[in-house]
Amino acid sequence: MLRIDYQKGKNRSEENKIVDENEIKTIERIMSKVEWENAKVEMTRKEDVMLTFFYQLDPNEPEKLEEYRIWFNQDMNTGIVDSNQNRHGELDESDAVKLKEFIK
């Protein structure tokens, strides 16, 4: 993976990049723990964060993007929607706290 971009704020006006290899690997490990369910869902409010993963699988091809919309709920149960594959998942509280540390 090349980098992770994330946008947050009411209008996603705060845009940041994560390029540190260790941070990217940690976020990938956290996201691998999501228990996915194939379902298209609609949430009652706008996501708190939009994560975009950038992959370069072949230098002769354009980057591959994966987008995740994330909702941090008050009980720290975290909902995630994978826009690319129309699936929904959740993270437990400890992984949600770790993920939130990277999204400052």
PDB file of N, CA and C in Angstrom:
ATOM      1  N   MET A   1       0.860  -1.175   0.000  1.00  0.00           N
ATOM      2  CA  MET A   1       0.000   0.000   0.000  1.00  0.00           C
ATOM      3  C   MET A   1       0.901   1.232   0.000  1.00  0.00           C
ATOM      4  N   LEU A   2       0.499   2.220  -0.770  1.00  0.00           N
ATOM      5  CA  LEU A   2       1.281   3.445  -0.878  1.00  0.00           C
ATOM      6  C   LEU A   2       0.990   4.427   0.250  1.00  0.00           C
ATOM      7  N   ARG A   3      -0.310   4.645   0.483  1.00  0.00           N
ATOM      8  CA  ARG A   3      -0.681   5.632   1.502  1.00  0.00           C
ATOM      9  C   ARG A   3      -2.165   5.469   1.840  1.00  0.00           C
ATOM     10  N   ILE A   4      -2.564   6.152   2.899  1.00  0.00           N
ATOM     11  CA  ILE A   4      -3.966   6.221   3.291  1.00  0.00           C
ATOM     12  C   ILE A   4      -4.310   7.691   3.443  1.00  0.00           C
ATOM     13  N   ASP A   5      -5.329   8.126   2.747  1.00  0.00           N
ATOM     14  CA  ASP A   5      -5.852   9.482   2.922  1.00  0.00           C
ATOM     15  C   ASP A   5      -7.093   9.380   3.790  1.00  0.00           C
ATOM     16  N   TYR A   6      -7.311  10.377   4.613  1.00  0.00           N
ATOM     17  CA  TYR A   6      -8.568  10.409   5.351  1.00  0.00           C
ATOM     18  C   TYR A   6      -9.099  11.826   5.426  1.00  0.00           C
ATOM     19  N   GLN A   7     -10.413  11.881   5.387  1.00  0.00           N
ATOM     20  CA  GLN A   7     -11.113  13.155   5.459  1.00  0.00           C
ATOM     21  C   GLN A   7     -12.072  13.073   6.628  1.00  0.00           C
ATOM     22  N   LYS A   8     -12.125  14.158   7.384  1.00  0.00           N
ATOM     23  CA  LYS A   8     -13.063  14.207   8.499  1.00  0.00           C
ATOM     24  C   LYS A   8     -13.612  15.606   8.629  1.00  0.00           C
ATOM     25  N   GLY A   9     -14.500  15.783   9.550  1.00  0.00           N
ATOM     26  CA  GLY A   9     -15.158  17.066   9.705  1.00  0.00           C
ATOM     27  C   GLY A   9     -16.510  17.037   9.022  1.00  0.00           C
ATOM     28  N   LYS A  10     -17.324  18.009   9.318  1.00  0.00           N
ATOM     29  CA  LYS A  10     -18.696  18.040   8.798  1.00  0.00           C
ATOM     30  C   LYS A  10     -18.742  17.979   7.278  1.00  0.00           C
ATOM     31  N   ASN A  11     -17.869  18.698   6.625  1.00  0.00           N
ATOM     32  CA  ASN A  11     -17.860  18.723   5.159  1.00  0.00           C
ATOM     33  C   ASN A  11     -16.633  18.019   4.597  1.00  0.00           C
ATOM     34  N   ARG A  12     -16.048  17.171   5.422  1.00  0.00           N
ATOM     35  CA  ARG A  12     -14.803  16.484   5.057  1.00  0.00           C
ATOM     36  C   ARG A  12     -13.741  17.486   4.622  1.00  0.00           C
ATOM     37  N   SER A  13     -13.699  18.609   5.292  1.00  0.00           N
ATOM     38  CA  SER A  13     -12.771  19.674   4.918  1.00  0.00           C
ATOM     39  C   SER A  13     -11.362  19.431   5.461  1.00  0.00           C
ATOM     40  N   GLU A  14     -11.242  18.570   6.452  1.00  0.00           N
ATOM     41  CA  GLU A  14      -9.927  18.263   7.009  1.00  0.00           C
ATOM     42  C   GLU A  14      -9.391  17.024   6.304  1.00  0.00           C
ATOM     43  N   GLU A  15      -8.399  17.214   5.429  1.00  0.00           N
ATOM     44  CA  GLU A  15      -7.839  16.086   4.689  1.00  0.00           C
ATOM     45  C   GLU A  15      -6.400  15.857   5.118  1.00  0.00           C
ATOM     46  N   ASN A  16      -6.072  14.606   5.394  1.00  0.00           N
ATOM     47  CA  ASN A  16      -4.741  14.249   5.865  1.00  0.00           C
ATOM     48  C   ASN A  16      -4.273  12.981   5.163  1.00  0.00           C
ATOM     49  N   LYS A  17      -2.961  12.749   5.213  1.00  0.00           N
ATOM     50  CA  LYS A  17      -2.370  11.563   4.608  1.00  0.00           C
ATOM     51  C   LYS A  17      -1.556  10.807   5.652  1.00  0.00           C
ATOM     52  N   ILE A  18      -1.605   9.493   5.548  1.00  0.00           N
ATOM     53  CA  ILE A  18      -0.752   8.637   6.365  1.00  0.00           C
ATOM     54  C   ILE A  18       0.183   7.936   5.389  1.00  0.00           C
ATOM     55  N   VAL A  19       1.486   8.170   5.548  1.00  0.00           N
ATOM     56  CA  VAL A  19       2.464   7.576   4.643  1.00  0.00           C
ATOM     57  C   VAL A  19       3.489   6.720   5.380  1.00  0.00           C
ATOM     58  N   ASP A  20       3.510   6.795   6.695  1.00  0.00           N
ATOM     59  CA  ASP A  20       4.435   5.998   7.491  1.00  0.00           C
ATOM     60  C   ASP A  20       4.089   4.513   7.332  1.00  0.00           C
ATOM     61  N   GLU A  21       5.069   3.720   6.913  1.00  0.00           N
ATOM     62  CA  GLU A  21       4.843   2.300   6.618  1.00  0.00           C
ATOM     63  C   GLU A  21       4.310   1.527   7.827  1.00  0.00           C
ATOM     64  N   ASN A  22       4.841   1.803   9.023  1.00  0.00           N
ATOM     65  CA  ASN A  22       4.383   1.106  10.222  1.00  0.00           C
ATOM     66  C   ASN A  22       2.937   1.464  10.564  1.00  0.00           C
ATOM     67  N   GLU A  23       2.583   2.727  10.413  1.00  0.00           N
ATOM     68  CA  GLU A  23       1.208   3.145  10.678  1.00  0.00           C
ATOM     69  C   GLU A  23       0.246   2.496   9.681  1.00  0.00           C
ATOM     70  N   ILE A  24       0.642   2.447   8.420  1.00  0.00           N
ATOM     71  CA  ILE A  24      -0.193   1.831   7.388  1.00  0.00           C
ATOM     72  C   ILE A  24      -0.409   0.354   7.700  1.00  0.00           C
ATOM     73  N   LYS A  25       0.651  -0.354   8.075  1.00  0.00           N
ATOM     74  CA  LYS A  25       0.525  -1.785   8.401  1.00  0.00           C
ATOM     75  C   LYS A  25      -0.377  -2.000   9.609  1.00  0.00           C
ATOM     76  N   THR A  26      -0.266  -1.125  10.596  1.00  0.00           N
ATOM     77  CA  THR A  26      -1.117  -1.247  11.778  1.00  0.00           C
ATOM     78  C   THR A  26      -2.588  -1.042  11.405  1.00  0.00           C
ATOM     79  N   ILE A  27      -2.871  -0.041  10.587  1.00  0.00           N
ATOM     80  CA  ILE A  27      -4.249   0.207  10.155  1.00  0.00           C
ATOM     81  C   ILE A  27      -4.763  -0.968   9.320  1.00  0.00           C
ATOM     82  N   GLU A  28      -3.921  -1.525   8.463  1.00  0.00           N
ATOM     83  CA  GLU A  28      -4.326  -2.704   7.685  1.00  0.00           C
ATOM     84  C   GLU A  28      -4.679  -3.874   8.613  1.00  0.00           C
ATOM     85  N   ARG A  29      -3.885  -4.087   9.666  1.00  0.00           N
ATOM     86  CA  ARG A  29      -4.178  -5.161  10.629  1.00  0.00           C
ATOM     87  C   ARG A  29      -5.504  -4.913  11.327  1.00  0.00           C
ATOM     88  N   ILE A  30      -5.747  -3.663  11.716  1.00  0.00           N
ATOM     89  CA  ILE A  30      -7.008  -3.330  12.374  1.00  0.00           C
ATOM     90  C   ILE A  30      -8.177  -3.603  11.426  1.00  0.00           C
ATOM     91  N   MET A  31      -8.053  -3.148  10.183  1.00  0.00           N
ATOM     92  CA  MET A  31      -9.143  -3.321   9.220  1.00  0.00           C
ATOM     93  C   MET A  31      -9.355  -4.796   8.868  1.00  0.00           C
ATOM     94  N   SER A  32      -8.329  -5.612   8.990  1.00  0.00           N
ATOM     95  CA  SER A  32      -8.492  -7.043   8.696  1.00  0.00           C
ATOM     96  C   SER A  32      -9.343  -7.738   9.759  1.00  0.00           C
ATOM     97  N   LYS A  33      -9.551  -7.100  10.897  1.00  0.00           N
ATOM     98  CA  LYS A  33     -10.368  -7.669  11.973  1.00  0.00           C
ATOM     99  C   LYS A  33     -11.859  -7.355  11.830  1.00  0.00           C
ATOM    100  N   VAL A  34     -12.196  -6.515  10.857  1.00  0.00           N
ATOM    101  CA  VAL A  34     -13.606  -6.167  10.654  1.00  0.00           C
ATOM    102  C   VAL A  34     -14.366  -7.423  10.239  1.00  0.00           C
ATOM    103  N   GLU A  35     -15.498  -7.640  10.895  1.00  0.00           N
ATOM    104  CA  GLU A  35     -16.354  -8.760  10.517  1.00  0.00           C
ATOM    105  C   GLU A  35     -17.369  -8.239   9.516  1.00  0.00           C
ATOM    106  N   TRP A  36     -17.167  -8.604   8.238  1.00  0.00           N
ATOM    107  CA  TRP A  36     -17.964  -8.059   7.143  1.00  0.00           C
ATOM    108  C   TRP A  36     -19.232  -8.859   6.908  1.00  0.00           C
ATOM    109  N   GLU A  37     -20.240  -8.144   6.483  1.00  0.00           N
ATOM    110  CA  GLU A  37     -21.521  -8.726   6.093  1.00  0.00           C
ATOM    111  C   GLU A  37     -21.891  -8.096   4.755  1.00  0.00           C
ATOM    112  N   ASN A  38     -22.218  -8.926   3.778  1.00  0.00           N
ATOM    113  CA  ASN A  38     -22.611  -8.395   2.474  1.00  0.00           C
ATOM    114  C   ASN A  38     -23.987  -7.771   2.589  1.00  0.00           C
ATOM    115  N   ALA A  39     -24.014  -6.478   2.636  1.00  0.00           N
ATOM    116  CA  ALA A  39     -25.276  -5.748   2.745  1.00  0.00           C
ATOM    117  C   ALA A  39     -25.022  -4.288   2.422  1.00  0.00           C
ATOM    118  N   LYS A  40     -25.946  -3.714   1.713  1.00  0.00           N
ATOM    119  CA  LYS A  40     -25.886  -2.281   1.458  1.00  0.00           C
ATOM    120  C   LYS A  40     -26.703  -1.618   2.566  1.00  0.00           C
ATOM    121  N   VAL A  41     -26.078  -0.724   3.305  1.00  0.00           N
ATOM    122  CA  VAL A  41     -26.763  -0.099   4.440  1.00  0.00           C
ATOM    123  C   VAL A  41     -26.796   1.412   4.288  1.00  0.00           C
ATOM    124  N   GLU A  42     -27.775   2.006   4.910  1.00  0.00           N
ATOM    125  CA  GLU A  42     -27.889   3.460   4.977  1.00  0.00           C
ATOM    126  C   GLU A  42     -27.823   3.855   6.446  1.00  0.00           C
ATOM    127  N   MET A  43     -26.954   4.772   6.761  1.00  0.00           N
ATOM    128  CA  MET A  43     -26.820   5.241   8.135  1.00  0.00           C
ATOM    129  C   MET A  43     -27.665   6.494   8.326  1.00  0.00           C
ATOM    130  N   THR A  44     -27.990   6.769   9.588  1.00  0.00           N
ATOM    131  CA  THR A  44     -28.858   7.908   9.884  1.00  0.00           C
ATOM    132  C   THR A  44     -28.114   9.237   9.886  1.00  0.00           C
ATOM    133  N   ARG A  45     -26.789   9.179   9.941  1.00  0.00           N
ATOM    134  CA  ARG A  45     -26.003  10.409   9.901  1.00  0.00           C
ATOM    135  C   ARG A  45     -24.787  10.212   9.005  1.00  0.00           C
ATOM    136  N   LYS A  46     -24.179  11.321   8.648  1.00  0.00           N
ATOM    137  CA  LYS A  46     -22.993  11.294   7.789  1.00  0.00           C
ATOM    138  C   LYS A  46     -21.833  10.652   8.552  1.00  0.00           C
ATOM    139  N   GLU A  47     -20.985   9.949   7.830  1.00  0.00           N
ATOM    140  CA  GLU A  47     -19.836   9.293   8.446  1.00  0.00           C
ATOM    141  C   GLU A  47     -18.932  10.303   9.138  1.00  0.00           C
ATOM    142  N   ASP A  48     -18.195   9.825  10.140  1.00  0.00           N
ATOM    143  CA  ASP A  48     -17.240  10.671  10.857  1.00  0.00           C
ATOM    144  C   ASP A  48     -15.934  10.805  10.075  1.00  0.00           C
ATOM    145  N   VAL A  49     -15.570   9.746   9.367  1.00  0.00           N
ATOM    146  CA  VAL A  49     -14.304   9.722   8.636  1.00  0.00           C
ATOM    147  C   VAL A  49     -14.473   8.932   7.347  1.00  0.00           C
ATOM    148  N   MET A  50     -13.801   9.386   6.307  1.00  0.00           N
ATOM    149  CA  MET A  50     -13.711   8.635   5.055  1.00  0.00           C
ATOM    150  C   MET A  50     -12.236   8.264   4.879  1.00  0.00           C
ATOM    151  N   LEU A  51     -11.941   6.960   4.846  1.00  0.00           N
ATOM    152  CA  LEU A  51     -10.579   6.480   4.611  1.00  0.00           C
ATOM    153  C   LEU A  51     -10.463   6.029   3.163  1.00  0.00           C
ATOM    154  N   THR A  52      -9.389   6.392   2.509  1.00  0.00           N
ATOM    155  CA  THR A  52      -9.123   5.918   1.155  1.00  0.00           C
ATOM    156  C   THR A  52      -7.741   5.284   1.144  1.00  0.00           C
ATOM    157  N   PHE A  53      -7.701   3.978   0.816  1.00  0.00           N
ATOM    158  CA  PHE A  53      -6.447   3.244   0.715  1.00  0.00           C
ATOM    159  C   PHE A  53      -5.981   3.313  -0.731  1.00  0.00           C
ATOM    160  N   PHE A  54      -4.710   3.617  -0.934  1.00  0.00           N
ATOM    161  CA  PHE A  54      -4.116   3.694  -2.266  1.00  0.00           C
ATOM    162  C   PHE A  54      -3.113   2.553  -2.434  1.00  0.00           C
ATOM    163  N   TYR A  55      -3.357   1.699  -3.429  1.00  0.00           N
ATOM    164  CA  TYR A  55      -2.472   0.578  -3.744  1.00  0.00           C
ATOM    165  C   TYR A  55      -1.869   0.778  -5.121  1.00  0.00           C
ATOM    166  N   GLN A  56      -0.615   0.374  -5.280  1.00  0.00           N
ATOM    167  CA  GLN A  56       0.026   0.357  -6.594  1.00  0.00           C
ATOM    168  C   GLN A  56       0.448  -1.081  -6.838  1.00  0.00           C
ATOM    169  N   LEU A  57      -0.397  -1.850  -7.521  1.00  0.00           N
ATOM    170  CA  LEU A  57      -0.126  -3.264  -7.759  1.00  0.00           C
ATOM    171  C   LEU A  57       0.840  -3.467  -8.914  1.00  0.00           C
ATOM    172  N   ASP A  58       0.756  -2.597  -9.898  1.00  0.00           N
ATOM    173  CA  ASP A  58       1.606  -2.686 -11.084  1.00  0.00           C
ATOM    174  C   ASP A  58       2.022  -1.264 -11.446  1.00  0.00           C
ATOM    175  N   PRO A  59       3.333  -1.008 -11.570  1.00  0.00           N
ATOM    176  CA  PRO A  59       3.778   0.358 -11.879  1.00  0.00           C
ATOM    177  C   PRO A  59       3.263   0.892 -13.210  1.00  0.00           C
ATOM    178  N   ASN A  60       2.814   0.004 -14.088  1.00  0.00           N
ATOM    179  CA  ASN A  60       2.305   0.436 -15.387  1.00  0.00           C
ATOM    180  C   ASN A  60       0.802   0.676 -15.377  1.00  0.00           C
ATOM    181  N   GLU A  61       0.182   0.472 -14.248  1.00  0.00           N
ATOM    182  CA  GLU A  61      -1.267   0.639 -14.109  1.00  0.00           C
ATOM    183  C   GLU A  61      -1.561   1.776 -13.131  1.00  0.00           C
ATOM    184  N   PRO A  62      -2.754   2.356 -13.209  1.00  0.00           N
ATOM    185  CA  PRO A  62      -3.114   3.395 -12.235  1.00  0.00           C
ATOM    186  C   PRO A  62      -3.292   2.805 -10.833  1.00  0.00           C
ATOM    187  N   GLU A  63      -3.249   3.674  -9.840  1.00  0.00           N
ATOM    188  CA  GLU A  63      -3.450   3.242  -8.460  1.00  0.00           C
ATOM    189  C   GLU A  63      -4.837   2.636  -8.286  1.00  0.00           C
ATOM    190  N   LYS A  64      -4.920   1.669  -7.400  1.00  0.00           N
ATOM    191  CA  LYS A  64      -6.205   1.081  -7.034  1.00  0.00           C
ATOM    192  C   LYS A  64      -6.641   1.740  -5.728  1.00  0.00           C
ATOM    193  N   LEU A  65      -7.914   2.134  -5.653  1.00  0.00           N
ATOM    194  CA  LEU A  65      -8.430   2.804  -4.454  1.00  0.00           C
ATOM    195  C   LEU A  65      -9.465   1.935  -3.770  1.00  0.00           C
ATOM    196  N   GLU A  66      -9.451   1.957  -2.439  1.00  0.00           N
ATOM    197  CA  GLU A  66     -10.499   1.334  -1.636  1.00  0.00           C
ATOM    198  C   GLU A  66     -10.988   2.389  -0.659  1.00  0.00           C
ATOM    199  N   GLU A  67     -12.302   2.607  -0.629  1.00  0.00           N
ATOM    200  CA  GLU A  67     -12.877   3.631   0.253  1.00  0.00           C
ATOM    201  C   GLU A  67     -13.692   2.985   1.361  1.00  0.00           C
ATOM    202  N   TYR A  68     -13.510   3.517   2.551  1.00  0.00           N
ATOM    203  CA  TYR A  68     -14.253   3.051   3.721  1.00  0.00           C
ATOM    204  C   TYR A  68     -14.852   4.261   4.427  1.00  0.00           C
ATOM    205  N   ARG A  69     -16.140   4.193   4.708  1.00  0.00           N
ATOM    206  CA  ARG A  69     -16.815   5.225   5.501  1.00  0.00           C
ATOM    207  C   ARG A  69     -16.951   4.678   6.919  1.00  0.00           C
ATOM    208  N   ILE A  70     -16.586   5.517   7.904  1.00  0.00           N
ATOM    209  CA  ILE A  70     -16.508   5.047   9.289  1.00  0.00           C
ATOM    210  C   ILE A  70     -17.332   5.936  10.209  1.00  0.00           C
ATOM    211  N   TRP A  71     -18.108   5.288  11.086  1.00  0.00           N
ATOM    212  CA  TRP A  71     -18.907   5.963  12.108  1.00  0.00           C
ATOM    213  C   TRP A  71     -18.419   5.515  13.474  1.00  0.00           C
ATOM    214  N   PHE A  72     -17.935   6.461  14.279  1.00  0.00           N
ATOM    215  CA  PHE A  72     -17.552   6.174  15.660  1.00  0.00           C
ATOM    216  C   PHE A  72     -18.754   6.505  16.535  1.00  0.00           C
ATOM    217  N   ASN A  73     -19.361   5.506  17.121  1.00  0.00           N
ATOM    218  CA  ASN A  73     -20.544   5.698  17.955  1.00  0.00           C
ATOM    219  C   ASN A  73     -20.142   5.938  19.399  1.00  0.00           C
ATOM    220  N   GLN A  74     -21.047   6.490  20.190  1.00  0.00           N
ATOM    221  CA  GLN A  74     -20.731   6.842  21.572  1.00  0.00           C
ATOM    222  C   GLN A  74     -20.311   5.639  22.399  1.00  0.00           C
ATOM    223  N   ASP A  75     -20.874   4.473  22.114  1.00  0.00           N
ATOM    224  CA  ASP A  75     -20.480   3.283  22.859  1.00  0.00           C
ATOM    225  C   ASP A  75     -19.190   2.678  22.310  1.00  0.00           C
ATOM    226  N   MET A  76     -18.557   3.388  21.377  1.00  0.00           N
ATOM    227  CA  MET A  76     -17.319   3.004  20.698  1.00  0.00           C
ATOM    228  C   MET A  76     -17.479   1.758  19.840  1.00  0.00           C
ATOM    229  N   ASN A  77     -18.702   1.313  19.638  1.00  0.00           N
ATOM    230  CA  ASN A  77     -18.956   0.311  18.613  1.00  0.00           C
ATOM    231  C   ASN A  77     -18.841   1.063  17.296  1.00  0.00           C
ATOM    232  N   THR A  78     -17.993   0.623  16.414  1.00  0.00           N
ATOM    233  CA  THR A  78     -17.682   1.378  15.215  1.00  0.00           C
ATOM    234  C   THR A  78     -18.234   0.684  13.976  1.00  0.00           C
ATOM    235  N   GLY A  79     -19.051   1.409  13.210  1.00  0.00           N
ATOM    236  CA  GLY A  79     -19.606   0.886  11.972  1.00  0.00           C
ATOM    237  C   GLY A  79     -18.764   1.318  10.789  1.00  0.00           C
ATOM    238  N   ILE A  80     -18.562   0.390   9.846  1.00  0.00           N
ATOM    239  CA  ILE A  80     -17.749   0.676   8.671  1.00  0.00           C
ATOM    240  C   ILE A  80     -18.490   0.190   7.435  1.00  0.00           C
ATOM    241  N   VAL A  81     -18.502   1.020   6.403  1.00  0.00           N
ATOM    242  CA  VAL A  81     -19.087   0.629   5.122  1.00  0.00           C
ATOM    243  C   VAL A  81     -17.974   0.615   4.085  1.00  0.00           C
ATOM    244  N   ASP A  82     -17.845  -0.517   3.394  1.00  0.00           N
ATOM    245  CA  ASP A  82     -16.897  -0.672   2.302  1.00  0.00           C
ATOM    246  C   ASP A  82     -17.658  -0.318   1.028  1.00  0.00           C
ATOM    247  N   SER A  83     -17.423   0.871   0.508  1.00  0.00           N
ATOM    248  CA  SER A  83     -18.152   1.359  -0.662  1.00  0.00           C
ATOM    249  C   SER A  83     -17.850   0.547  -1.911  1.00  0.00           C
ATOM    250  N   ASN A  84     -16.656  -0.034  -2.001  1.00  0.00           N
ATOM    251  CA  ASN A  84     -16.253  -0.765  -3.194  1.00  0.00           C
ATOM    252  C   ASN A  84     -16.988  -2.097  -3.329  1.00  0.00           C
ATOM    253  N   GLN A  85     -17.243  -2.765  -2.201  1.00  0.00           N
ATOM    254  CA  GLN A  85     -17.805  -4.108  -2.260  1.00  0.00           C
ATOM    255  C   GLN A  85     -19.203  -4.205  -1.650  1.00  0.00           C
ATOM    256  N   ASN A  86     -19.831  -3.077  -1.390  1.00  0.00           N
ATOM    257  CA  ASN A  86     -21.180  -3.052  -0.808  1.00  0.00           C
ATOM    258  C   ASN A  86     -21.313  -3.987   0.390  1.00  0.00           C
ATOM    259  N   ARG A  87     -20.485  -3.734   1.386  1.00  0.00           N
ATOM    260  CA  ARG A  87     -20.562  -4.533   2.600  1.00  0.00           C
ATOM    261  C   ARG A  87     -20.423  -3.634   3.817  1.00  0.00           C
ATOM    262  N   HIS A  88     -20.882  -4.145   4.929  1.00  0.00           N
ATOM    263  CA  HIS A  88     -20.901  -3.405   6.184  1.00  0.00           C
ATOM    264  C   HIS A  88     -20.221  -4.267   7.239  1.00  0.00           C
ATOM    265  N   GLY A  89     -19.506  -3.602   8.133  1.00  0.00           N
ATOM    266  CA  GLY A  89     -18.849  -4.342   9.201  1.00  0.00           C
ATOM    267  C   GLY A  89     -18.719  -3.508  10.447  1.00  0.00           C
ATOM    268  N   GLU A  90     -18.200  -4.138  11.487  1.00  0.00           N
ATOM    269  CA  GLU A  90     -18.005  -3.448  12.760  1.00  0.00           C
ATOM    270  C   GLU A  90     -16.653  -3.802  13.342  1.00  0.00           C
ATOM    271  N   LEU A  91     -16.140  -2.876  14.137  1.00  0.00           N
ATOM    272  CA  LEU A  91     -14.927  -3.106  14.919  1.00  0.00           C
ATOM    273  C   LEU A  91     -15.296  -3.093  16.385  1.00  0.00           C
ATOM    274  N   ASP A  92     -14.592  -3.895  17.176  1.00  0.00           N
ATOM    275  CA  ASP A  92     -14.846  -3.842  18.613  1.00  0.00           C
ATOM    276  C   ASP A  92     -14.192  -2.596  19.208  1.00  0.00           C
ATOM    277  N   GLU A  93     -14.484  -2.340  20.451  1.00  0.00           N
ATOM    278  CA  GLU A  93     -14.049  -1.090  21.093  1.00  0.00           C
ATOM    279  C   GLU A  93     -12.540  -0.918  21.086  1.00  0.00           C
ATOM    280  N   SER A  94     -11.777  -1.958  21.414  1.00  0.00           N
ATOM    281  CA  SER A  94     -10.321  -1.791  21.504  1.00  0.00           C
ATOM    282  C   SER A  94      -9.711  -1.462  20.148  1.00  0.00           C
ATOM    283  N   ASP A  95     -10.184  -2.107  19.078  1.00  0.00           N
ATOM    284  CA  ASP A  95      -9.662  -1.795  17.749  1.00  0.00           C
ATOM    285  C   ASP A  95     -10.129  -0.428  17.272  1.00  0.00           C
ATOM    286  N   ALA A  96     -11.337  -0.040  17.653  1.00  0.00           N
ATOM    287  CA  ALA A  96     -11.843   1.286  17.279  1.00  0.00           C
ATOM    288  C   ALA A  96     -10.993   2.380  17.915  1.00  0.00           C
ATOM    289  N   VAL A  97     -10.613   2.181  19.160  1.00  0.00           N
ATOM    290  CA  VAL A  97      -9.763   3.163  19.857  1.00  0.00           C
ATOM    291  C   VAL A  97      -8.411   3.265  19.154  1.00  0.00           C
ATOM    292  N   LYS A  98      -7.837   2.122  18.776  1.00  0.00           N
ATOM    293  CA  LYS A  98      -6.544   2.132  18.072  1.00  0.00           C
ATOM    294  C   LYS A  98      -6.656   2.859  16.735  1.00  0.00           C
ATOM    295  N   LEU A  99      -7.725   2.564  15.983  1.00  0.00           N
ATOM    296  CA  LEU A  99      -7.908   3.215  14.696  1.00  0.00           C
ATOM    297  C   LEU A  99      -8.067   4.722  14.859  1.00  0.00           C
ATOM    298  N   LYS A 100      -8.822   5.108  15.852  1.00  0.00           N
ATOM    299  CA  LYS A 100      -9.080   6.537  16.071  1.00  0.00           C
ATOM    300  C   LYS A 100      -7.807   7.300  16.418  1.00  0.00           C
ATOM    301  N   GLU A 101      -6.831   6.618  17.037  1.00  0.00           N
ATOM    302  CA  GLU A 101      -5.547   7.263  17.373  1.00  0.00           C
ATOM    303  C   GLU A 101      -4.809   7.740  16.123  1.00  0.00           C
ATOM    304  N   PHE A 102      -4.973   7.033  15.014  1.00  0.00           N
ATOM    305  CA  PHE A 102      -4.281   7.405  13.777  1.00  0.00           C
ATOM    306  C   PHE A 102      -4.986   8.522  13.040  1.00  0.00           C
ATOM    307  N   ILE A 103      -6.241   8.721  13.355  1.00  0.00           N
ATOM    308  CA  ILE A 103      -7.042   9.739  12.656  1.00  0.00           C
ATOM    309  C   ILE A 103      -7.181  10.945  13.577  1.00  0.00           C
ATOM    310  N   LYS A 104      -6.153  11.745  13.589  1.00  0.00           N
ATOM    311  CA  LYS A 104      -6.086  12.865  14.528  1.00  0.00           C
ATOM    312  C   LYS A 104      -6.712  14.105  13.946  1.00  0.00           C
TER     313      LYS A 104
END
